[in-house]
Amino acid sequence: MTQIVIGFGGGILLGLRWKFAVLYPAMLLVAAFIISTQGPGWQNAGLIVLVITAIQVGYICAVAACGLATRTSSADRWRLIIPWH
């Protein structure tokens, strides 16, 4: 469970800073790290899938939060179009 929470937090940090292409090396690093520390096996394969999924979900949550934070309301868009208002 700890690995999944760390993966989710790592995905959030990746989503706040970098573009989508950074997920590929992150997924490879996670898989290599889990295999090197715990060895190959079906239980570890399930853990790898869960952690990679947590990274991707965290990334999507961070990108969505950034999109909502930089969003302007429709009233503000009207002022941006007509500067004398």
PDB file of N, CA and C in Angstrom:
ATOM      1  N   MET A   1       0.825  -1.195   0.000  1.00  0.00           N
ATOM      2  CA  MET A   1       0.000   0.000   0.000  1.00  0.00           C
ATOM      3  C   MET A   1       0.864   1.251   0.000  1.00  0.00           C
ATOM      4  N   THR A   2       1.969   1.201   0.696  1.00  0.00           N
ATOM      5  CA  THR A   2       2.860   2.356   0.747  1.00  0.00           C
ATOM      6  C   THR A   2       3.412   2.682  -0.634  1.00  0.00           C
ATOM      7  N   GLN A   3       3.750   1.657  -1.391  1.00  0.00           N
ATOM      8  CA  GLN A   3       4.281   1.888  -2.734  1.00  0.00           C
ATOM      9  C   GLN A   3       3.255   2.577  -3.627  1.00  0.00           C
ATOM     10  N   ILE A   4       1.985   2.240  -3.452  1.00  0.00           N
ATOM     11  CA  ILE A   4       0.932   2.839  -4.274  1.00  0.00           C
ATOM     12  C   ILE A   4       0.754   4.312  -3.917  1.00  0.00           C
ATOM     13  N   VAL A   5       0.791   4.638  -2.638  1.00  0.00           N
ATOM     14  CA  VAL A   5       0.661   6.031  -2.211  1.00  0.00           C
ATOM     15  C   VAL A   5       1.859   6.847  -2.688  1.00  0.00           C
ATOM     16  N   ILE A   6       3.045   6.274  -2.597  1.00  0.00           N
ATOM     17  CA  ILE A   6       4.236   6.969  -3.092  1.00  0.00           C
ATOM     18  C   ILE A   6       4.149   7.153  -4.604  1.00  0.00           C
ATOM     19  N   GLY A   7       3.658   6.144  -5.314  1.00  0.00           N
ATOM     20  CA  GLY A   7       3.477   6.267  -6.760  1.00  0.00           C
ATOM     21  C   GLY A   7       2.481   7.353  -7.124  1.00  0.00           C
ATOM     22  N   PHE A   8       1.382   7.437  -6.368  1.00  0.00           N
ATOM     23  CA  PHE A   8       0.392   8.481  -6.618  1.00  0.00           C
ATOM     24  C   PHE A   8       0.995   9.869  -6.385  1.00  0.00           C
ATOM     25  N   GLY A   9       1.718  10.018  -5.286  1.00  0.00           N
ATOM     26  CA  GLY A   9       2.374  11.306  -5.009  1.00  0.00           C
ATOM     27  C   GLY A   9       3.422  11.649  -6.053  1.00  0.00           C
ATOM     28  N   GLY A  10       4.171  10.647  -6.486  1.00  0.00           N
ATOM     29  CA  GLY A  10       5.147  10.882  -7.546  1.00  0.00           C
ATOM     30  C   GLY A  10       4.485  11.285  -8.850  1.00  0.00           C
ATOM     31  N   GLY A  11       3.353  10.681  -9.151  1.00  0.00           N
ATOM     32  CA  GLY A  11       2.609  11.067 -10.355  1.00  0.00           C
ATOM     33  C   GLY A  11       2.117  12.503 -10.281  1.00  0.00           C
ATOM     34  N   ILE A  12       1.691  12.909  -9.092  1.00  0.00           N
ATOM     35  CA  ILE A  12       1.267  14.305  -8.914  1.00  0.00           C
ATOM     36  C   ILE A  12       2.440  15.249  -9.153  1.00  0.00           C
ATOM     37  N   LEU A  13       3.583  14.923  -8.585  1.00  0.00           N
ATOM     38  CA  LEU A  13       4.762  15.780  -8.783  1.00  0.00           C
ATOM     39  C   LEU A  13       5.185  15.824 -10.244  1.00  0.00           C
ATOM     40  N   LEU A  14       5.116  14.701 -10.933  1.00  0.00           N
ATOM     41  CA  LEU A  14       5.452  14.691 -12.360  1.00  0.00           C
ATOM     42  C   LEU A  14       4.454  15.512 -13.171  1.00  0.00           C
ATOM     43  N   GLY A  15       3.182  15.436 -12.817  1.00  0.00           N
ATOM     44  CA  GLY A  15       2.149  16.172 -13.548  1.00  0.00           C
ATOM     45  C   GLY A  15       2.232  17.670 -13.354  1.00  0.00           C
ATOM     46  N   LEU A  16       2.742  18.101 -12.219  1.00  0.00           N
ATOM     47  CA  LEU A  16       2.855  19.531 -11.970  1.00  0.00           C
ATOM     48  C   LEU A  16       4.019  20.158 -12.731  1.00  0.00           C
ATOM     49  N   ARG A  17       4.992  19.358 -13.125  1.00  0.00           N
ATOM     50  CA  ARG A  17       6.200  19.932 -13.696  1.00  0.00           C
ATOM     51  C   ARG A  17       6.432  19.585 -15.167  1.00  0.00           C
ATOM     52  N   TRP A  18       6.222  18.309 -15.546  1.00  0.00           N
ATOM     53  CA  TRP A  18       6.630  17.867 -16.867  1.00  0.00           C
ATOM     54  C   TRP A  18       5.456  17.442 -17.734  1.00  0.00           C
ATOM     55  N   LYS A  19       5.758  17.216 -19.012  1.00  0.00           N
ATOM     56  CA  LYS A  19       4.754  16.775 -19.982  1.00  0.00           C
ATOM     57  C   LYS A  19       4.582  15.255 -19.918  1.00  0.00           C
ATOM     58  N   PHE A  20       3.713  14.742 -20.743  1.00  0.00           N
ATOM     59  CA  PHE A  20       3.308  13.338 -20.710  1.00  0.00           C
ATOM     60  C   PHE A  20       4.458  12.371 -20.976  1.00  0.00           C
ATOM     61  N   ALA A  21       5.430  12.762 -21.757  1.00  0.00           N
ATOM     62  CA  ALA A  21       6.515  11.856 -22.143  1.00  0.00           C
ATOM     63  C   ALA A  21       7.365  11.411 -20.956  1.00  0.00           C
ATOM     64  N   VAL A  22       7.301  12.105 -19.855  1.00  0.00           N
ATOM     65  CA  VAL A  22       8.097  11.725 -18.686  1.00  0.00           C
ATOM     66  C   VAL A  22       7.547  10.465 -18.017  1.00  0.00           C
ATOM     67  N   LEU A  23       6.312  10.083 -18.334  1.00  0.00           N
ATOM     68  CA  LEU A  23       5.735   8.890 -17.716  1.00  0.00           C
ATOM     69  C   LEU A  23       6.405   7.604 -18.194  1.00  0.00           C
ATOM     70  N   TYR A  24       6.884   7.565 -19.419  1.00  0.00           N
ATOM     71  CA  TYR A  24       7.515   6.349 -19.929  1.00  0.00           C
ATOM     72  C   TYR A  24       8.769   5.987 -19.137  1.00  0.00           C
ATOM     73  N   PRO A  25       9.729   6.894 -18.957  1.00  0.00           N
ATOM     74  CA  PRO A  25      10.893   6.522 -18.140  1.00  0.00           C
ATOM     75  C   PRO A  25      10.524   6.265 -16.678  1.00  0.00           C
ATOM     76  N   ALA A  26       9.519   6.960 -16.170  1.00  0.00           N
ATOM     77  CA  ALA A  26       9.107   6.734 -14.781  1.00  0.00           C
ATOM     78  C   ALA A  26       8.544   5.328 -14.615  1.00  0.00           C
ATOM     79  N   MET A  27       7.757   4.875 -15.575  1.00  0.00           N
ATOM     80  CA  MET A  27       7.204   3.525 -15.493  1.00  0.00           C
ATOM     81  C   MET A  27       8.306   2.473 -15.589  1.00  0.00           C
ATOM     82  N   LEU A  28       9.285   2.700 -16.452  1.00  0.00           N
ATOM     83  CA  LEU A  28      10.395   1.756 -16.570  1.00  0.00           C
ATOM     84  C   LEU A  28      11.232   1.727 -15.298  1.00  0.00           C
ATOM     85  N   LEU A  29      11.468   2.894 -14.703  1.00  0.00           N
ATOM     86  CA  LEU A  29      12.231   2.944 -13.455  1.00  0.00           C
ATOM     87  C   LEU A  29      11.504   2.233 -12.319  1.00  0.00           C
ATOM     88  N   VAL A  30      10.197   2.405 -12.245  1.00  0.00           N
ATOM     89  CA  VAL A  30       9.412   1.736 -11.195  1.00  0.00           C
ATOM     90  C   VAL A  30       9.490   0.225 -11.376  1.00  0.00           C
ATOM     91  N   ALA A  31       9.290  -0.238 -12.593  1.00  0.00           N
ATOM     92  CA  ALA A  31       9.340  -1.679 -12.847  1.00  0.00           C
ATOM     93  C   ALA A  31      10.720  -2.242 -12.539  1.00  0.00           C
ATOM     94  N   ALA A  32      11.773  -1.565 -12.972  1.00  0.00           N
ATOM     95  CA  ALA A  32      13.133  -2.041 -12.713  1.00  0.00           C
ATOM     96  C   ALA A  32      13.450  -2.029 -11.222  1.00  0.00           C
ATOM     97  N   PHE A  33      12.993  -1.001 -10.516  1.00  0.00           N
ATOM     98  CA  PHE A  33      13.277  -0.911  -9.083  1.00  0.00           C
ATOM     99  C   PHE A  33      12.562  -2.022  -8.307  1.00  0.00           C
ATOM    100  N   ILE A  34      11.308  -2.262  -8.613  1.00  0.00           N
ATOM    101  CA  ILE A  34      10.563  -3.303  -7.889  1.00  0.00           C
ATOM    102  C   ILE A  34      11.124  -4.685  -8.212  1.00  0.00           C
ATOM    103  N   ILE A  35      11.480  -4.921  -9.452  1.00  0.00           N
ATOM    104  CA  ILE A  35      12.048  -6.220  -9.813  1.00  0.00           C
ATOM    105  C   ILE A  35      13.413  -6.414  -9.163  1.00  0.00           C
ATOM    106  N   SER A  36      14.222  -5.354  -9.113  1.00  0.00           N
ATOM    107  CA  SER A  36      15.560  -5.504  -8.529  1.00  0.00           C
ATOM    108  C   SER A  36      15.525  -5.653  -7.012  1.00  0.00           C
ATOM    109  N   THR A  37      14.561  -5.060  -6.342  1.00  0.00           N
ATOM    110  CA  THR A  37      14.517  -5.152  -4.886  1.00  0.00           C
ATOM    111  C   THR A  37      13.743  -6.369  -4.390  1.00  0.00           C
ATOM    112  N   GLN A  38      12.673  -6.750  -5.086  1.00  0.00           N
ATOM    113  CA  GLN A  38      11.822  -7.831  -4.595  1.00  0.00           C
ATOM    114  C   GLN A  38      11.875  -9.084  -5.455  1.00  0.00           C
ATOM    115  N   GLY A  39      12.507  -9.014  -6.597  1.00  0.00           N
ATOM    116  CA  GLY A  39      12.622 -10.172  -7.464  1.00  0.00           C
ATOM    117  C   GLY A  39      11.418 -10.328  -8.373  1.00  0.00           C
ATOM    118  N   PRO A  40      11.595 -11.125  -9.436  1.00  0.00           N
ATOM    119  CA  PRO A  40      10.466 -11.348 -10.349  1.00  0.00           C
ATOM    120  C   PRO A  40       9.457 -12.309  -9.732  1.00  0.00           C
ATOM    121  N   GLY A  41       8.226 -12.141 -10.115  1.00  0.00           N
ATOM    122  CA  GLY A  41       7.166 -13.019  -9.624  1.00  0.00           C
ATOM    123  C   GLY A  41       5.804 -12.429  -9.943  1.00  0.00           C
ATOM    124  N   TRP A  42       4.767 -13.271  -9.840  1.00  0.00           N
ATOM    125  CA  TRP A  42       3.423 -12.807 -10.181  1.00  0.00           C
ATOM    126  C   TRP A  42       2.906 -11.787  -9.181  1.00  0.00           C
ATOM    127  N   GLN A  43       3.231 -11.957  -7.914  1.00  0.00           N
ATOM    128  CA  GLN A  43       2.778 -10.986  -6.912  1.00  0.00           C
ATOM    129  C   GLN A  43       3.423  -9.630  -7.162  1.00  0.00           C
ATOM    130  N   ASN A  44       4.679  -9.635  -7.521  1.00  0.00           N
ATOM    131  CA  ASN A  44       5.363  -8.381  -7.816  1.00  0.00           C
ATOM    132  C   ASN A  44       4.895  -7.783  -9.141  1.00  0.00           C
ATOM    133  N   ALA A  45       4.479  -8.617 -10.070  1.00  0.00           N
ATOM    134  CA  ALA A  45       3.934  -8.095 -11.325  1.00  0.00           C
ATOM    135  C   ALA A  45       2.643  -7.325 -11.050  1.00  0.00           C
ATOM    136  N   GLY A  46       1.813  -7.856 -10.159  1.00  0.00           N
ATOM    137  CA  GLY A  46       0.600  -7.130  -9.772  1.00  0.00           C
ATOM    138  C   GLY A  46       0.916  -5.824  -9.087  1.00  0.00           C
ATOM    139  N   LEU A  47       1.946  -5.835  -8.233  1.00  0.00           N
ATOM    140  CA  LEU A  47       2.359  -4.605  -7.554  1.00  0.00           C
ATOM    141  C   LEU A  47       2.882  -3.579  -8.550  1.00  0.00           C
ATOM    142  N   ILE A  48       3.636  -4.033  -9.531  1.00  0.00           N
ATOM    143  CA  ILE A  48       4.154  -3.124 -10.562  1.00  0.00           C
ATOM    144  C   ILE A  48       2.999  -2.472 -11.318  1.00  0.00           C
ATOM    145  N   VAL A  49       2.011  -3.259 -11.681  1.00  0.00           N
ATOM    146  CA  VAL A  49       0.851  -2.715 -12.404  1.00  0.00           C
ATOM    147  C   VAL A  49       0.116  -1.694 -11.539  1.00  0.00           C
ATOM    148  N   LEU A  50      -0.074  -1.993 -10.253  1.00  0.00           N
ATOM    149  CA  LEU A  50      -0.777  -1.059  -9.371  1.00  0.00           C
ATOM    150  C   LEU A  50      -0.005   0.241  -9.177  1.00  0.00           C
ATOM    151  N   VAL A  51       1.305   0.148  -9.011  1.00  0.00           N
ATOM    152  CA  VAL A  51       2.106   1.364  -8.804  1.00  0.00           C
ATOM    153  C   VAL A  51       2.143   2.207 -10.075  1.00  0.00           C
ATOM    154  N   ILE A  52       2.285   1.569 -11.230  1.00  0.00           N
ATOM    155  CA  ILE A  52       2.286   2.322 -12.490  1.00  0.00           C
ATOM    156  C   ILE A  52       0.929   2.981 -12.718  1.00  0.00           C
ATOM    157  N   THR A  53      -0.142   2.289 -12.380  1.00  0.00           N
ATOM    158  CA  THR A  53      -1.476   2.882 -12.490  1.00  0.00           C
ATOM    159  C   THR A  53      -1.619   4.067 -11.542  1.00  0.00           C
ATOM    160  N   ALA A  54      -1.082   3.952 -10.334  1.00  0.00           N
ATOM    161  CA  ALA A  54      -1.141   5.062  -9.376  1.00  0.00           C
ATOM    162  C   ALA A  54      -0.360   6.269  -9.880  1.00  0.00           C
ATOM    163  N   ILE A  55       0.771   6.033 -10.522  1.00  0.00           N
ATOM    164  CA  ILE A  55       1.549   7.140 -11.098  1.00  0.00           C
ATOM    165  C   ILE A  55       0.737   7.843 -12.177  1.00  0.00           C
ATOM    166  N   GLN A  56       0.091   7.073 -13.034  1.00  0.00           N
ATOM    167  CA  GLN A  56      -0.684   7.667 -14.115  1.00  0.00           C
ATOM    168  C   GLN A  56      -1.903   8.420 -13.595  1.00  0.00           C
ATOM    169  N   VAL A  57      -2.572   7.874 -12.597  1.00  0.00           N
ATOM    170  CA  VAL A  57      -3.734   8.560 -12.013  1.00  0.00           C
ATOM    171  C   VAL A  57      -3.297   9.848 -11.325  1.00  0.00           C
ATOM    172  N   GLY A  58      -2.182   9.808 -10.606  1.00  0.00           N
ATOM    173  CA  GLY A  58      -1.657  11.014  -9.975  1.00  0.00           C
ATOM    174  C   GLY A  58      -1.289  12.071 -10.996  1.00  0.00           C
ATOM    175  N   TYR A  59      -0.700  11.640 -12.102  1.00  0.00           N
ATOM    176  CA  TYR A  59      -0.346  12.577 -13.173  1.00  0.00           C
ATOM    177  C   TYR A  59      -1.594  13.248 -13.739  1.00  0.00           C
ATOM    178  N   ILE A  60      -2.629  12.445 -14.006  1.00  0.00           N
ATOM    179  CA  ILE A  60      -3.870  12.993 -14.569  1.00  0.00           C
ATOM    180  C   ILE A  60      -4.530  13.960 -13.580  1.00  0.00           C
ATOM    181  N   CYS A  61      -4.514  13.630 -12.301  1.00  0.00           N
ATOM    182  CA  CYS A  61      -5.089  14.524 -11.289  1.00  0.00           C
ATOM    183  C   CYS A  61      -4.340  15.853 -11.233  1.00  0.00           C
ATOM    184  N   ALA A  62      -3.022  15.813 -11.320  1.00  0.00           N
ATOM    185  CA  ALA A  62      -2.238  17.045 -11.273  1.00  0.00           C
ATOM    186  C   ALA A  62      -2.466  17.905 -12.509  1.00  0.00           C
ATOM    187  N   VAL A  63      -2.539  17.280 -13.670  1.00  0.00           N
ATOM    188  CA  VAL A  63      -2.794  18.041 -14.897  1.00  0.00           C
ATOM    189  C   VAL A  63      -4.180  18.675 -14.849  1.00  0.00           C
ATOM    190  N   ALA A  64      -5.164  17.935 -14.351  1.00  0.00           N
ATOM    191  CA  ALA A  64      -6.517  18.486 -14.232  1.00  0.00           C
ATOM    192  C   ALA A  64      -6.557  19.627 -13.227  1.00  0.00           C
ATOM    193  N   ALA A  65      -5.842  19.498 -12.119  1.00  0.00           N
ATOM    194  CA  ALA A  65      -5.809  20.569 -11.121  1.00  0.00           C
ATOM    195  C   ALA A  65      -5.149  21.819 -11.679  1.00  0.00           C
ATOM    196  N   CYS A  66      -4.083  21.648 -12.448  1.00  0.00           N
ATOM    197  CA  CYS A  66      -3.438  22.814 -13.075  1.00  0.00           C
ATOM    198  C   CYS A  66      -4.364  23.466 -14.099  1.00  0.00           C
ATOM    199  N   GLY A  67      -5.098  22.648 -14.831  1.00  0.00           N
ATOM    200  CA  GLY A  67      -6.041  23.191 -15.809  1.00  0.00           C
ATOM    201  C   GLY A  67      -7.158  23.975 -15.149  1.00  0.00           C
ATOM    202  N   LEU A  68      -7.649  23.489 -14.024  1.00  0.00           N
ATOM    203  CA  LEU A  68      -8.697  24.212 -13.306  1.00  0.00           C
ATOM    204  C   LEU A  68      -8.160  25.470 -12.633  1.00  0.00           C
ATOM    205  N   ALA A  69      -6.914  25.430 -12.200  1.00  0.00           N
ATOM    206  CA  ALA A  69      -6.336  26.584 -11.516  1.00  0.00           C
ATOM    207  C   ALA A  69      -6.073  27.742 -12.481  1.00  0.00           C
ATOM    208  N   THR A  70      -5.766  27.441 -13.725  1.00  0.00           N
ATOM    209  CA  THR A  70      -5.463  28.505 -14.692  1.00  0.00           C
ATOM    210  C   THR A  70      -6.669  28.890 -15.534  1.00  0.00           C
ATOM    211  N   ARG A  71      -7.817  28.319 -15.238  1.00  0.00           N
ATOM    212  CA  ARG A  71      -9.033  28.593 -16.000  1.00  0.00           C
ATOM    213  C   ARG A  71      -9.591  29.969 -15.639  1.00  0.00           C
ATOM    214  N   THR A  72     -10.094  30.696 -16.633  1.00  0.00           N
ATOM    215  CA  THR A  72     -10.725  31.988 -16.386  1.00  0.00           C
ATOM    216  C   THR A  72     -12.232  31.844 -16.564  1.00  0.00           C
ATOM    217  N   SER A  73     -12.967  32.594 -15.803  1.00  0.00           N
ATOM    218  CA  SER A  73     -14.419  32.528 -15.922  1.00  0.00           C
ATOM    219  C   SER A  73     -14.881  33.243 -17.180  1.00  0.00           C
ATOM    220  N   SER A  74     -16.133  33.051 -17.557  1.00  0.00           N
ATOM    221  CA  SER A  74     -16.648  33.662 -18.775  1.00  0.00           C
ATOM    222  C   SER A  74     -16.723  35.179 -18.646  1.00  0.00           C
ATOM    223  N   ALA A  75     -16.962  35.695 -17.441  1.00  0.00           N
ATOM    224  CA  ALA A  75     -16.999  37.145 -17.251  1.00  0.00           C
ATOM    225  C   ALA A  75     -15.618  37.750 -17.457  1.00  0.00           C
ATOM    226  N   ASP A  76     -14.583  37.066 -17.028  1.00  0.00           N
ATOM    227  CA  ASP A  76     -13.229  37.572 -17.226  1.00  0.00           C
ATOM    228  C   ASP A  76     -12.811  37.495 -18.685  1.00  0.00           C
ATOM    229  N   ARG A  77     -13.290  36.509 -19.419  1.00  0.00           N
ATOM    230  CA  ARG A  77     -12.975  36.422 -20.839  1.00  0.00           C
ATOM    231  C   ARG A  77     -13.562  37.605 -21.601  1.00  0.00           C
ATOM    232  N   TRP A  78     -14.728  38.074 -21.211  1.00  0.00           N
ATOM    233  CA  TRP A  78     -15.349  39.225 -21.859  1.00  0.00           C
ATOM    234  C   TRP A  78     -14.482  40.462 -21.681  1.00  0.00           C
ATOM    235  N   ARG A  79     -13.905  40.636 -20.486  1.00  0.00           N
ATOM    236  CA  ARG A  79     -13.023  41.772 -20.247  1.00  0.00           C
ATOM    237  C   ARG A  79     -11.726  41.638 -21.032  1.00  0.00           C
ATOM    238  N   LEU A  80     -11.269  40.422 -21.274  1.00  0.00           N
ATOM    239  CA  LEU A  80     -10.063  40.243 -22.055  1.00  0.00           C
ATOM    240  C   LEU A  80     -10.275  40.577 -23.526  1.00  0.00           C
ATOM    241  N   ILE A  81     -11.489  40.383 -24.033  1.00  0.00           N
ATOM    242  CA  ILE A  81     -11.786  40.657 -25.431  1.00  0.00           C
ATOM    243  C   ILE A  81     -11.970  42.149 -25.653  1.00  0.00           C
ATOM    244  N   ILE A  82     -12.713  42.827 -24.785  1.00  0.00           N
ATOM    245  CA  ILE A  82     -12.964  44.257 -24.924  1.00  0.00           C
ATOM    246  C   ILE A  82     -12.210  44.975 -23.799  1.00  0.00           C
ATOM    247  N   PRO A  83     -11.073  45.577 -24.116  1.00  0.00           N
ATOM    248  CA  PRO A  83     -10.248  46.145 -23.051  1.00  0.00           C
ATOM    249  C   PRO A  83     -10.818  47.405 -22.400  1.00  0.00           C
ATOM    250  N   TRP A  84     -11.749  48.124 -23.007  1.00  0.00           N
ATOM    251  CA  TRP A  84     -12.263  49.357 -22.430  1.00  0.00           C
ATOM    252  C   TRP A  84     -13.402  49.113 -21.428  1.00  0.00           C
ATOM    253  N   HIS A  85     -13.819  47.880 -21.242  1.00  0.00           N
ATOM    254  CA  HIS A  85     -14.879  47.567 -20.293  1.00  0.00           C
ATOM    255  C   HIS A  85     -14.344  47.461 -18.912  1.00  0.00           C
TER     256      HIS A  85
END
